[in-house]
Each structure stands twice: as structure tokens, then as C-alpha cells.
């Protein structure tokens, strides 16, 4: 699967309170969370992100609390994936559990600017900055985690597996 979109660029240590501020945690509605995604760091993001776009950030993306609201908000905003220098461990797991693909690409992050058009081949492990004509190798998503993403997250994956075993 190839993902394509524009880059939204942020710095290091973007924590879950910035991704979705705590004042909005009284809901688990993805559409409502998406309306407030990144608003404390970028007021324009939620109104201007286009389906397929990418969040690109420095090191330790998703640090802070273990809330699943953060990857849900990103995914519901329309972003297809997050590309960062590195991720906080709990965010990494929560992202795949909610069906949001993420990629560590330190060299690429340094060379991506906001607005660059990017293409990510999840299966073959490549990231192309189409604006600058540069290509980077990235670790492909392992097959099981690709299944999680394709299913829309862990709960949907498990429900489909159960249905396969039990029947309709």
C-alpha cells in the first residue's frame, strides 16, 4: 500500500497533551477529537489537513500520557501516517492498536519541509519526498502490524478474526 500526502512538520517531544489537549478527553468520538488535533501547537492543522497528509516530527513523538485519544485524533483528522525521528514506546503501540501507521525515518525527517509531497510504500519500506526528488529506505511495517492497520486497529482485527473462527 502506498500512502501519499503533504507534510505537516513539527519538532521534538510532541507530547500527547499537544496532540489532543486534556480538556477534550471527555469524549472518545473520533470526529470531535479530530477537530482539536494539534490545536495547541498549530491552530491551522485541524481545519487545513487533507486526507492522506502526514505528520512529520523530530524525536520522541507521542511522549507523555498513555492515552489512545492521541493516535485516534491524528487518524480521524485525515492524516495517513506519522513519520518521526523516534516515537515514545506507548504511543508506538497505541498507534498500531488504533490502525495508525507510523514510521521512524531520522534522515528523511531532517530533509522534509512543511508542505513537501511525500509517498510512503508501507510494504516495501520506502519513503519518497516527491517535492525534492529524494528517496529513503525505511523499515517496512511487519506483516501482522500491516494487518492491524488494514483492519482499522486491534479491536476490529480481533472482531474479524473471531468472526472467521465462529462464523456469521
Protein backbone atom coordinates (compact mmCIF):
# COMPACT_ATOMS: atom_id res chain seq x y z
CA UNK A 1 0.00 0.00 0.00
CA UNK A 2 1.33 3.44 -0.97
CA UNK A 3 0.29 6.47 1.07
CA UNK A 4 0.57 9.97 -0.43
CA UNK A 5 0.10 13.41 1.05
CA UNK A 6 1.67 16.65 2.21
CA UNK A 7 3.91 17.04 5.24
CA UNK A 8 2.91 18.88 8.39
CA UNK A 9 6.22 19.45 10.21
CA UNK A 10 6.75 19.67 13.96
CA UNK A 11 9.71 19.48 16.33
CA UNK A 12 10.94 17.19 19.08
CA UNK A 13 8.99 15.92 22.09
CA UNK A 14 5.47 16.49 20.74
CA UNK A 15 3.53 15.05 23.64
CA UNK A 16 0.05 13.62 23.81
CA UNK A 17 -1.21 16.80 25.54
CA UNK A 18 -0.24 18.73 22.42
CA UNK A 19 -1.66 16.14 20.03
CA UNK A 20 -5.03 16.21 21.82
CA UNK A 21 -5.29 18.58 24.79
CA UNK A 22 -6.60 17.07 28.03
CA UNK A 23 -9.60 19.41 28.04
CA UNK A 24 -11.08 17.32 25.18
CA UNK A 25 -10.69 13.93 26.81
CA UNK A 26 -14.31 13.90 27.93
CA UNK A 27 -15.18 12.38 24.55
CA UNK A 28 -13.99 9.38 22.61
CA UNK A 29 -15.76 10.48 19.40
CA UNK A 30 -13.06 10.43 16.70
CA UNK A 31 -14.63 13.32 14.73
CA UNK A 32 -14.70 15.54 17.82
CA UNK A 33 -11.11 14.63 18.71
CA UNK A 34 -10.02 15.41 15.13
CA UNK A 35 -11.44 18.94 15.39
CA UNK A 36 -8.97 19.68 18.20
CA UNK A 37 -5.96 17.69 17.00
CA UNK A 38 -2.71 19.68 17.34
CA UNK A 39 -4.57 22.90 18.18
CA UNK A 40 -2.24 23.95 20.99
CA UNK A 41 0.79 23.81 18.67
CA UNK A 42 -0.85 24.57 15.29
CA UNK A 43 -4.24 26.25 15.15
CA UNK A 44 -4.43 25.71 11.38
CA UNK A 45 -3.88 21.94 11.39
CA UNK A 46 -7.41 20.61 12.00
CA UNK A 47 -9.02 22.98 9.52
CA UNK A 48 -6.44 22.53 6.74
CA UNK A 49 -5.17 18.95 6.93
CA UNK A 50 -6.18 16.97 3.86
CA UNK A 51 -6.93 13.25 3.73
CA UNK A 52 -3.66 11.37 3.26
CA UNK A 53 -1.38 14.05 4.72
CA UNK A 54 1.48 13.14 7.07
CA UNK A 55 2.59 14.45 10.43
CA UNK A 56 6.40 14.69 10.42
CA UNK A 57 8.26 15.30 13.65
CA UNK A 58 11.54 15.01 15.48
CA UNK A 59 12.43 12.68 18.31
CA UNK A 60 10.16 11.25 20.99
CA UNK A 61 6.85 11.88 19.21
CA UNK A 62 3.86 10.94 21.38
CA UNK A 63 5.61 11.19 24.74
CA UNK A 64 3.58 11.91 27.85
CA UNK A 65 0.48 10.03 28.87
CA UNK A 66 -0.65 6.68 27.52
CA UNK A 67 -3.94 7.99 26.14
CA UNK A 68 -5.20 6.31 22.99
CA UNK A 69 -7.01 9.53 22.15
CA UNK A 70 -3.82 10.90 20.55
CA UNK A 71 -3.45 8.43 17.66
CA UNK A 72 -7.25 8.33 17.28
CA UNK A 73 -7.29 12.13 16.85
CA UNK A 74 -4.48 12.02 14.28
CA UNK A 75 -6.10 9.24 12.28
CA UNK A 76 -9.55 10.88 12.43
CA UNK A 77 -8.05 14.18 11.26
CA UNK A 78 -7.31 12.51 7.94
CA UNK A 79 -3.57 12.03 8.34
CA UNK A 80 -2.46 8.75 6.80
CA UNK A 81 0.62 8.27 9.00
CA UNK A 82 3.22 9.85 11.25
CA UNK A 83 6.88 9.98 10.26
CA UNK A 84 9.32 10.85 13.03
CA UNK A 85 12.90 10.56 14.17
CA UNK A 86 11.63 8.37 17.04
CA UNK A 87 8.46 7.58 18.98
CA UNK A 88 7.58 7.16 22.63
CA UNK A 89 7.05 3.44 23.26
CA UNK A 90 3.45 3.63 24.44
CA UNK A 91 2.46 5.86 21.51
CA UNK A 92 4.08 3.39 19.10
CA UNK A 93 1.88 0.56 20.38
CA UNK A 94 -1.26 2.70 20.66
CA UNK A 95 -0.82 3.92 17.09
CA UNK A 96 -0.89 0.41 15.65
CA UNK A 97 -3.65 -0.65 18.05
CA UNK A 98 -5.82 2.13 16.60
CA UNK A 99 -4.77 1.47 12.99
CA UNK A 100 -2.44 4.46 12.53
CA UNK A 101 0.80 3.55 10.72
CA UNK A 102 3.97 5.23 11.95
CA UNK A 103 7.50 5.24 10.55
CA UNK A 104 10.89 6.05 12.03
CA UNK A 105 12.96 7.88 9.41
CA UNK A 106 15.60 10.10 11.06
CA UNK A 107 17.45 11.16 7.91
CA UNK A 108 14.26 11.84 5.97
CA UNK A 109 12.80 13.94 8.79
CA UNK A 110 15.81 16.27 8.66
CA UNK A 111 15.26 16.86 4.93
CA UNK A 112 11.46 17.16 4.84
CA UNK A 113 9.94 20.64 4.94
CA UNK A 114 6.34 21.54 5.71
CA UNK A 115 4.25 21.19 2.59
CA UNK A 116 6.52 18.69 0.82
CA UNK A 117 4.62 15.99 -1.08
CA UNK A 118 5.52 12.55 0.31
CA UNK A 119 4.82 8.97 -0.74
CA UNK A 120 5.32 6.01 1.60
CA UNK A 121 5.32 2.40 0.44
CA UNK A 122 4.42 0.52 3.62
CA UNK A 123 5.12 -2.96 2.27
CA UNK A 124 8.44 -2.30 0.56
CA UNK A 125 9.81 0.18 3.08
CA UNK A 126 10.42 3.32 1.08
CA UNK A 127 9.67 6.98 1.63
CA UNK A 128 9.91 9.37 -1.31
CA UNK A 129 9.95 13.14 -0.99
CA UNK A 130 8.37 13.89 -4.35
CA UNK A 131 8.89 17.63 -3.94
CA UNK A 132 12.66 17.23 -3.61
CA UNK A 133 13.09 14.04 -5.64
CA UNK A 134 14.72 12.12 -2.76
CA UNK A 135 14.09 8.57 -1.65
CA UNK A 136 14.79 6.96 1.73
CA UNK A 137 14.71 3.42 2.97
CA UNK A 138 12.51 2.87 6.00
CA UNK A 139 11.71 -0.28 7.90
CA UNK A 140 8.63 -1.87 6.34
CA UNK A 141 5.75 -2.48 8.69
CA UNK A 142 5.80 -6.15 9.77
CA UNK A 143 3.01 -8.23 8.16
CA UNK A 144 1.00 -8.64 11.38
CA UNK A 145 1.04 -4.90 12.01
CA UNK A 146 0.02 -4.28 8.40
CA UNK A 147 -2.99 -6.49 9.13
CA UNK A 148 -3.81 -4.32 12.17
CA UNK A 149 -3.63 -1.17 10.05
CA UNK A 150 -5.70 -2.70 7.24
CA UNK A 151 -8.36 -3.82 9.71
CA UNK A 152 -8.55 -0.36 11.29
CA UNK A 153 -6.89 -1.32 14.56
CA UNK A 154 -6.60 -4.15 17.05
CA UNK A 155 -10.27 -4.32 18.11
CA UNK A 156 -11.51 -4.55 14.54
CA UNK A 157 -8.80 -7.07 13.71
CA UNK A 158 -9.82 -9.27 16.67
CA UNK A 159 -13.52 -8.97 15.79
CA UNK A 160 -12.81 -10.10 12.23
CA UNK A 161 -10.67 -13.00 13.45
CA UNK A 162 -13.40 -14.10 15.85
CA UNK A 163 -15.98 -13.93 13.08
CA UNK A 164 -13.70 -16.11 10.88
CA UNK A 165 -13.45 -18.76 13.63
CA UNK A 166 -17.05 -18.70 14.79
CA UNK A 167 -18.82 -17.82 11.55
CA UNK A 168 -21.53 -15.23 10.86
